[in-house]
Amino acid sequence: LNPLNWDCGGVPTTTTDVIIPISVSTGNYPII
């Protein structure tokens, strides 16, 4: 739910296609 975690600059909505990459440089992956 942190908009700074998303390339689109906002929290994903029902119109957003989410892609979780193979490697994130920070090592952070989304948690709900």
PDB file of all heavy atoms in Angstrom:
ATOM      1  N   LEU A   1       0.795  -1.229   0.000  1.00  0.00           N
ATOM      2  CA  LEU A   1       0.000   0.000   0.000  1.00  0.00           C
ATOM      3  C   LEU A   1       0.832   1.286   0.000  1.00  0.00           C
ATOM      4  O   LEU A   1       0.276   2.377   0.109  1.00  0.00           O
ATOM      5  CB  LEU A   1      -0.955  -0.010   1.206  1.00  0.00           C
ATOM      6  CG  LEU A   1      -1.956  -1.169   1.207  1.00  0.00           C
ATOM      7  CD1 LEU A   1      -2.849  -1.104   2.449  1.00  0.00           C
ATOM      8  CD2 LEU A   1      -2.801  -1.179  -0.049  1.00  0.00           C
ATOM      9  N   ASN A   2       2.149   1.188  -0.156  1.00  0.00           N
ATOM     10  CA  ASN A   2       2.995   2.375  -0.220  1.00  0.00           C
ATOM     11  C   ASN A   2       3.191   2.753  -1.685  1.00  0.00           C
ATOM     12  O   ASN A   2       3.815   2.019  -2.452  1.00  0.00           O
ATOM     13  CB  ASN A   2       4.346   2.102   0.441  1.00  0.00           C
ATOM     14  CG  ASN A   2       5.239   3.318   0.473  1.00  0.00           C
ATOM     15  OD1 ASN A   2       5.052   4.277  -0.257  1.00  0.00           O
ATOM     16  ND2 ASN A   2       6.244   3.273   1.335  1.00  0.00           N
ATOM     17  N   PRO A   3       2.685   3.923  -2.121  1.00  0.00           N
ATOM     18  CA  PRO A   3       2.801   4.310  -3.527  1.00  0.00           C
ATOM     19  C   PRO A   3       4.244   4.445  -4.013  1.00  0.00           C
ATOM     20  O   PRO A   3       4.509   4.301  -5.207  1.00  0.00           O
ATOM     21  CB  PRO A   3       2.072   5.645  -3.602  1.00  0.00           C
ATOM     22  CG  PRO A   3       1.854   6.095  -2.216  1.00  0.00           C
ATOM     23  CD  PRO A   3       1.982   4.911  -1.314  1.00  0.00           C
ATOM     24  N   LEU A   4       5.193   4.691  -3.110  1.00  0.00           N
ATOM     25  CA  LEU A   4       6.593   4.821  -3.514  1.00  0.00           C
ATOM     26  C   LEU A   4       7.203   3.490  -3.939  1.00  0.00           C
ATOM     27  O   LEU A   4       8.289   3.457  -4.517  1.00  0.00           O
ATOM     28  CB  LEU A   4       7.420   5.428  -2.375  1.00  0.00           C
ATOM     29  CG  LEU A   4       7.032   6.847  -1.967  1.00  0.00           C
ATOM     30  CD1 LEU A   4       7.864   7.299  -0.768  1.00  0.00           C
ATOM     31  CD2 LEU A   4       7.186   7.806  -3.134  1.00  0.00           C
ATOM     32  N   ASN A   5       6.506   2.397  -3.693  1.00  0.00           N
ATOM     33  CA  ASN A   5       7.002   1.073  -4.076  1.00  0.00           C
ATOM     34  C   ASN A   5       6.655   0.694  -5.510  1.00  0.00           C
ATOM     35  O   ASN A   5       7.062  -0.371  -5.974  1.00  0.00           O
ATOM     36  CB  ASN A   5       6.448   0.003  -3.125  1.00  0.00           C
ATOM     37  CG  ASN A   5       7.063   0.095  -1.758  1.00  0.00           C
ATOM     38  OD1 ASN A   5       8.190   0.529  -1.601  1.00  0.00           O
ATOM     39  ND2 ASN A   5       6.325  -0.304  -0.744  1.00  0.00           N
ATOM     40  N   TRP A   6       5.941   1.532  -6.212  1.00  0.00           N
ATOM     41  CA  TRP A   6       5.434   1.171  -7.540  1.00  0.00           C
ATOM     42  C   TRP A   6       5.939   2.148  -8.598  1.00  0.00           C
ATOM     43  O   TRP A   6       5.939   3.363  -8.406  1.00  0.00           O
ATOM     44  CB  TRP A   6       3.906   1.149  -7.520  1.00  0.00           C
ATOM     45  CG  TRP A   6       3.408   0.169  -6.498  1.00  0.00           C
ATOM     46  CD1 TRP A   6       2.942   0.453  -5.242  1.00  0.00           C
ATOM     47  CD2 TRP A   6       3.383  -1.247  -6.626  1.00  0.00           C
ATOM     48  NE1 TRP A   6       2.617  -0.709  -4.590  1.00  0.00           N
ATOM     49  CE2 TRP A   6       2.879  -1.773  -5.415  1.00  0.00           C
ATOM     50  CE3 TRP A   6       3.731  -2.127  -7.644  1.00  0.00           C
ATOM     51  CZ2 TRP A   6       2.715  -3.141  -5.199  1.00  0.00           C
ATOM     52  CZ3 TRP A   6       3.571  -3.486  -7.429  1.00  0.00           C
ATOM     53  CH2 TRP A   6       3.069  -3.980  -6.228  1.00  0.00           C
ATOM     54  N   ASP A   7       6.354   1.603  -9.754  1.00  0.00           N
ATOM     55  CA  ASP A   7       6.844   2.427 -10.859  1.00  0.00           C
ATOM     56  C   ASP A   7       5.803   3.419 -11.356  1.00  0.00           C
ATOM     57  O   ASP A   7       6.150   4.482 -11.860  1.00  0.00           O
ATOM     58  CB  ASP A   7       7.297   1.555 -12.033  1.00  0.00           C
ATOM     59  CG  ASP A   7       8.617   0.858 -11.766  1.00  0.00           C
ATOM     60  OD1 ASP A   7       9.367   1.303 -10.874  1.00  0.00           O
ATOM     61  OD2 ASP A   7       8.898  -0.131 -12.451  1.00  0.00           O
ATOM     62  N   CYS A   8       4.529   3.061 -11.230  1.00  0.00           N
ATOM     63  CA  CYS A   8       3.466   3.940 -11.729  1.00  0.00           C
ATOM     64  C   CYS A   8       3.217   5.121 -10.793  1.00  0.00           C
ATOM     65  O   CYS A   8       2.434   6.007 -11.113  1.00  0.00           O
ATOM     66  CB  CYS A   8       2.175   3.148 -11.937  1.00  0.00           C
ATOM     67  SG  CYS A   8       1.512   2.407 -10.429  1.00  0.00           S
ATOM     68  N   GLY A   9       3.870   5.140  -9.612  1.00  0.00           N
ATOM     69  CA  GLY A   9       3.749   6.254  -8.689  1.00  0.00           C
ATOM     70  C   GLY A   9       2.517   6.202  -7.804  1.00  0.00           C
ATOM     71  O   GLY A   9       2.242   7.149  -7.072  1.00  0.00           O
ATOM     72  N   GLY A  10       1.769   5.115  -7.882  1.00  0.00           N
ATOM     73  CA  GLY A  10       0.587   4.973  -7.043  1.00  0.00           C
ATOM     74  C   GLY A  10       0.343   3.516  -6.702  1.00  0.00           C
ATOM     75  O   GLY A  10       0.902   2.615  -7.338  1.00  0.00           O
ATOM     76  N   VAL A  11      -0.474   3.303  -5.699  1.00  0.00           N
ATOM     77  CA  VAL A  11      -0.836   1.947  -5.297  1.00  0.00           C
ATOM     78  C   VAL A  11      -1.660   1.314  -6.419  1.00  0.00           C
ATOM     79  O   VAL A  11      -2.554   1.959  -6.976  1.00  0.00           O
ATOM     80  CB  VAL A  11      -1.639   1.988  -3.979  1.00  0.00           C
ATOM     81  CG1 VAL A  11      -2.136   0.609  -3.593  1.00  0.00           C
ATOM     82  CG2 VAL A  11      -0.788   2.586  -2.867  1.00  0.00           C
ATOM     83  N   PRO A  12      -1.373   0.065  -6.784  1.00  0.00           N
ATOM     84  CA  PRO A  12      -2.140  -0.586  -7.848  1.00  0.00           C
ATOM     85  C   PRO A  12      -3.640  -0.606  -7.555  1.00  0.00           C
ATOM     86  O   PRO A  12      -4.059  -0.720  -6.400  1.00  0.00           O
ATOM     87  CB  PRO A  12      -1.584  -2.018  -7.863  1.00  0.00           C
ATOM     88  CG  PRO A  12      -0.216  -1.895  -7.301  1.00  0.00           C
ATOM     89  CD  PRO A  12      -0.314  -0.808  -6.267  1.00  0.00           C
ATOM     90  N   THR A  13      -4.408  -0.491  -8.631  1.00  0.00           N
ATOM     91  CA  THR A  13      -5.864  -0.550  -8.549  1.00  0.00           C
ATOM     92  C   THR A  13      -6.349  -1.652  -9.482  1.00  0.00           C
ATOM     93  O   THR A  13      -5.550  -2.344 -10.112  1.00  0.00           O
ATOM     94  CB  THR A  13      -6.497   0.790  -8.972  1.00  0.00           C
ATOM     95  OG1 THR A  13      -6.255   0.977 -10.378  1.00  0.00           O
ATOM     96  CG2 THR A  13      -5.935   1.962  -8.190  1.00  0.00           C
ATOM     97  N   THR A  14      -7.644  -1.768  -9.611  1.00  0.00           N
ATOM     98  CA  THR A  14      -8.223  -2.807 -10.466  1.00  0.00           C
ATOM     99  C   THR A  14      -7.968  -2.563 -11.949  1.00  0.00           C
ATOM    100  O   THR A  14      -8.327  -3.389 -12.776  1.00  0.00           O
ATOM    101  CB  THR A  14      -9.736  -2.947 -10.210  1.00  0.00           C
ATOM    102  OG1 THR A  14     -10.355  -1.681 -10.428  1.00  0.00           O
ATOM    103  CG2 THR A  14     -10.008  -3.425  -8.794  1.00  0.00           C
ATOM    104  N   THR A  15      -7.320  -1.462 -12.294  1.00  0.00           N
ATOM    105  CA  THR A  15      -6.955  -1.194 -13.691  1.00  0.00           C
ATOM    106  C   THR A  15      -5.448  -1.297 -13.930  1.00  0.00           C
ATOM    107  O   THR A  15      -4.967  -0.983 -15.013  1.00  0.00           O
ATOM    108  CB  THR A  15      -7.449   0.202 -14.130  1.00  0.00           C
ATOM    109  OG1 THR A  15      -6.827   1.191 -13.307  1.00  0.00           O
ATOM    110  CG2 THR A  15      -8.963   0.305 -14.029  1.00  0.00           C
ATOM    111  N   THR A  16      -4.702  -1.755 -12.910  1.00  0.00           N
ATOM    112  CA  THR A  16      -3.241  -1.818 -12.981  1.00  0.00           C
ATOM    113  C   THR A  16      -2.764  -3.240 -13.252  1.00  0.00           C
ATOM    114  O   THR A  16      -3.197  -4.178 -12.592  1.00  0.00           O
ATOM    115  CB  THR A  16      -2.623  -1.347 -11.644  1.00  0.00           C
ATOM    116  OG1 THR A  16      -3.164  -0.084 -11.274  1.00  0.00           O
ATOM    117  CG2 THR A  16      -1.108  -1.247 -11.747  1.00  0.00           C
ATOM    118  N   ASP A  17      -1.869  -3.384 -14.231  1.00  0.00           N
ATOM    119  CA  ASP A  17      -1.187  -4.649 -14.469  1.00  0.00           C
ATOM    120  C   ASP A  17       0.108  -4.637 -13.658  1.00  0.00           C
ATOM    121  O   ASP A  17       0.984  -3.810 -13.905  1.00  0.00           O
ATOM    122  CB  ASP A  17      -0.871  -4.834 -15.951  1.00  0.00           C
ATOM    123  CG  ASP A  17      -2.127  -4.935 -16.792  1.00  0.00           C
ATOM    124  OD1 ASP A  17      -3.027  -5.700 -16.416  1.00  0.00           O
ATOM    125  OD2 ASP A  17      -2.211  -4.248 -17.830  1.00  0.00           O
ATOM    126  N   VAL A  18       0.225  -5.522 -12.678  1.00  0.00           N
ATOM    127  CA  VAL A  18       1.380  -5.561 -11.779  1.00  0.00           C
ATOM    128  C   VAL A  18       2.384  -6.596 -12.277  1.00  0.00           C
ATOM    129  O   VAL A  18       2.012  -7.722 -12.603  1.00  0.00           O
ATOM    130  CB  VAL A  18       0.920  -5.905 -10.346  1.00  0.00           C
ATOM    131  CG1 VAL A  18       2.110  -6.181  -9.440  1.00  0.00           C
ATOM    132  CG2 VAL A  18       0.070  -4.782  -9.772  1.00  0.00           C
ATOM    133  N   ILE A  19       3.651  -6.198 -12.322  1.00  0.00           N
ATOM    134  CA  ILE A  19       4.731  -7.120 -12.663  1.00  0.00           C
ATOM    135  C   ILE A  19       5.746  -7.071 -11.529  1.00  0.00           C
ATOM    136  O   ILE A  19       6.260  -6.010 -11.186  1.00  0.00           O
ATOM    137  CB  ILE A  19       5.406  -6.733 -13.993  1.00  0.00           C
ATOM    138  CG1 ILE A  19       4.394  -6.791 -15.140  1.00  0.00           C
ATOM    139  CG2 ILE A  19       6.607  -7.640 -14.261  1.00  0.00           C
ATOM    140  CD1 ILE A  19       4.915  -6.250 -16.451  1.00  0.00           C
ATOM    141  N   ILE A  20       6.018  -8.239 -10.949  1.00  0.00           N
ATOM    142  CA  ILE A  20       7.045  -8.359  -9.917  1.00  0.00           C
ATOM    143  C   ILE A  20       8.282  -8.923 -10.612  1.00  0.00           C
ATOM    144  O   ILE A  20       8.271 -10.046 -11.099  1.00  0.00           O
ATOM    145  CB  ILE A  20       6.592  -9.295  -8.773  1.00  0.00           C
ATOM    146  CG1 ILE A  20       5.213  -8.877  -8.219  1.00  0.00           C
ATOM    147  CG2 ILE A  20       7.647  -9.357  -7.678  1.00  0.00           C
ATOM    148  CD1 ILE A  20       5.147  -7.501  -7.624  1.00  0.00           C
ATOM    149  N   PRO A  21       9.375  -8.135 -10.692  1.00  0.00           N
ATOM    150  CA  PRO A  21      10.549  -8.571 -11.455  1.00  0.00           C
ATOM    151  C   PRO A  21      11.305  -9.713 -10.782  1.00  0.00           C
ATOM    152  O   PRO A  21      11.119  -9.986  -9.596  1.00  0.00           O
ATOM    153  CB  PRO A  21      11.407  -7.313 -11.518  1.00  0.00           C
ATOM    154  CG  PRO A  21      11.018  -6.535 -10.324  1.00  0.00           C
ATOM    155  CD  PRO A  21       9.563  -6.834 -10.076  1.00  0.00           C
ATOM    156  N   ILE A  22      12.176 -10.360 -11.551  1.00  0.00           N
ATOM    157  CA  ILE A  22      12.986 -11.461 -11.021  1.00  0.00           C
ATOM    158  C   ILE A  22      13.871 -10.978  -9.884  1.00  0.00           C
ATOM    159  O   ILE A  22      13.997 -11.629  -8.868  1.00  0.00           O
ATOM    160  CB  ILE A  22      13.837 -12.104 -12.128  1.00  0.00           C
ATOM    161  CG1 ILE A  22      12.935 -12.905 -13.054  1.00  0.00           C
ATOM    162  CG2 ILE A  22      14.918 -12.986 -11.550  1.00  0.00           C
ATOM    163  CD1 ILE A  22      13.632 -13.508 -14.242  1.00  0.00           C
ATOM    164  N   SER A  23      14.475  -9.845 -10.030  1.00  0.00           N
ATOM    165  CA  SER A  23      15.381  -9.346  -9.005  1.00  0.00           C
ATOM    166  C   SER A  23      15.093  -7.882  -8.746  1.00  0.00           C
ATOM    167  O   SER A  23      15.094  -7.074  -9.650  1.00  0.00           O
ATOM    168  CB  SER A  23      16.825  -9.506  -9.458  1.00  0.00           C
ATOM    169  OG  SER A  23      17.694  -8.959  -8.501  1.00  0.00           O
ATOM    170  N   VAL A  24      14.824  -7.570  -7.509  1.00  0.00           N
ATOM    171  CA  VAL A  24      14.649  -6.173  -7.109  1.00  0.00           C
ATOM    172  C   VAL A  24      15.915  -5.770  -6.368  1.00  0.00           C
ATOM    173  O   VAL A  24      16.343  -6.462  -5.444  1.00  0.00           O
ATOM    174  CB  VAL A  24      13.407  -6.029  -6.196  1.00  0.00           C
ATOM    175  CG1 VAL A  24      13.298  -4.626  -5.666  1.00  0.00           C
ATOM    176  CG2 VAL A  24      12.153  -6.409  -6.952  1.00  0.00           C
ATOM    177  N   SER A  25      16.504  -4.669  -6.765  1.00  0.00           N
ATOM    178  CA  SER A  25      17.800  -4.277  -6.202  1.00  0.00           C
ATOM    179  C   SER A  25      17.739  -4.073  -4.690  1.00  0.00           C
ATOM    180  O   SER A  25      18.718  -4.289  -3.992  1.00  0.00           O
ATOM    181  CB  SER A  25      18.311  -3.014  -6.882  1.00  0.00           C
ATOM    182  OG  SER A  25      17.420  -1.947  -6.690  1.00  0.00           O
ATOM    183  N   THR A  26      16.593  -3.676  -4.162  1.00  0.00           N
ATOM    184  CA  THR A  26      16.467  -3.455  -2.724  1.00  0.00           C
ATOM    185  C   THR A  26      16.218  -4.749  -1.967  1.00  0.00           C
ATOM    186  O   THR A  26      16.359  -4.794  -0.749  1.00  0.00           O
ATOM    187  CB  THR A  26      15.297  -2.510  -2.423  1.00  0.00           C
ATOM    188  OG1 THR A  26      14.093  -3.124  -2.886  1.00  0.00           O
ATOM    189  CG2 THR A  26      15.485  -1.161  -3.056  1.00  0.00           C
ATOM    190  N   GLY A  27      15.804  -5.805  -2.665  1.00  0.00           N
ATOM    191  CA  GLY A  27      15.460  -7.052  -1.993  1.00  0.00           C
ATOM    192  C   GLY A  27      14.079  -7.031  -1.368  1.00  0.00           C
ATOM    193  O   GLY A  27      13.674  -7.976  -0.703  1.00  0.00           O
ATOM    194  N   ASN A  28      13.333  -5.944  -1.570  1.00  0.00           N
ATOM    195  CA  ASN A  28      11.988  -5.828  -1.023  1.00  0.00           C
ATOM    196  C   ASN A  28      10.965  -6.362  -2.011  1.00  0.00           C
ATOM    197  O   ASN A  28      10.976  -5.995  -3.182  1.00  0.00           O
ATOM    198  CB  ASN A  28      11.637  -4.364  -0.720  1.00  0.00           C
ATOM    199  CG  ASN A  28      12.458  -3.781   0.400  1.00  0.00           C
ATOM    200  OD1 ASN A  28      12.905  -4.486   1.275  1.00  0.00           O
ATOM    201  ND2 ASN A  28      12.642  -2.480   0.369  1.00  0.00           N
ATOM    202  N   TYR A  29      10.092  -7.224  -1.533  1.00  0.00           N
ATOM    203  CA  TYR A  29       8.975  -7.716  -2.330  1.00  0.00           C
ATOM    204  C   TYR A  29       7.687  -7.399  -1.595  1.00  0.00           C
ATOM    205  O   TYR A  29       7.673  -7.311  -0.363  1.00  0.00           O
ATOM    206  CB  TYR A  29       9.113  -9.214  -2.581  1.00  0.00           C
ATOM    207  CG  TYR A  29      10.286  -9.523  -3.481  1.00  0.00           C
ATOM    208  CD1 TYR A  29      11.500  -9.916  -2.978  1.00  0.00           C
ATOM    209  CD2 TYR A  29      10.162  -9.363  -4.857  1.00  0.00           C
ATOM    210  CE1 TYR A  29      12.578 -10.172  -3.808  1.00  0.00           C
ATOM    211  CE2 TYR A  29      11.234  -9.603  -5.704  1.00  0.00           C
ATOM    212  CZ  TYR A  29      12.431 -10.009  -5.176  1.00  0.00           C
ATOM    213  OH  TYR A  29      13.491 -10.238  -6.005  1.00  0.00           O
ATOM    214  N   PRO A  30       6.577  -7.213  -2.319  1.00  0.00           N
ATOM    215  CA  PRO A  30       5.348  -6.747  -1.688  1.00  0.00           C
ATOM    216  C   PRO A  30       4.784  -7.725  -0.657  1.00  0.00           C
ATOM    217  O   PRO A  30       4.772  -8.937  -0.875  1.00  0.00           O
ATOM    218  CB  PRO A  30       4.369  -6.602  -2.843  1.00  0.00           C
ATOM    219  CG  PRO A  30       5.134  -6.755  -4.093  1.00  0.00           C
ATOM    220  CD  PRO A  30       6.433  -7.374  -3.757  1.00  0.00           C
ATOM    221  N   ILE A  31       4.310  -7.153   0.437  1.00  0.00           N
ATOM    222  CA  ILE A  31       3.619  -7.900   1.477  1.00  0.00           C
ATOM    223  C   ILE A  31       2.279  -7.219   1.724  1.00  0.00           C
ATOM    224  O   ILE A  31       2.205  -5.996   1.858  1.00  0.00           O
ATOM    225  CB  ILE A  31       4.428  -7.934   2.782  1.00  0.00           C
ATOM    226  CG1 ILE A  31       5.761  -8.656   2.577  1.00  0.00           C
ATOM    227  CG2 ILE A  31       3.627  -8.600   3.903  1.00  0.00           C
ATOM    228  CD1 ILE A  31       6.675  -8.634   3.787  1.00  0.00           C
ATOM    229  N   ILE A  32       1.224  -8.027   1.761  1.00  0.00           N
ATOM    230  CA  ILE A  32      -0.097  -7.534   2.144  1.00  0.00           C
ATOM    231  C   ILE A  32      -0.347  -8.053   3.553  1.00  0.00           C
ATOM    232  O   ILE A  32      -0.421  -9.263   3.775  1.00  0.00           O
ATOM    233  CB  ILE A  32      -1.176  -8.007   1.159  1.00  0.00           C
ATOM    234  CG1 ILE A  32      -0.859  -7.477  -0.245  1.00  0.00           C
ATOM    235  CG2 ILE A  32      -2.560  -7.559   1.626  1.00  0.00           C
ATOM    236  CD1 ILE A  32      -1.751  -8.007  -1.345  1.00  0.00           C
TER     237      ILE A  32
END
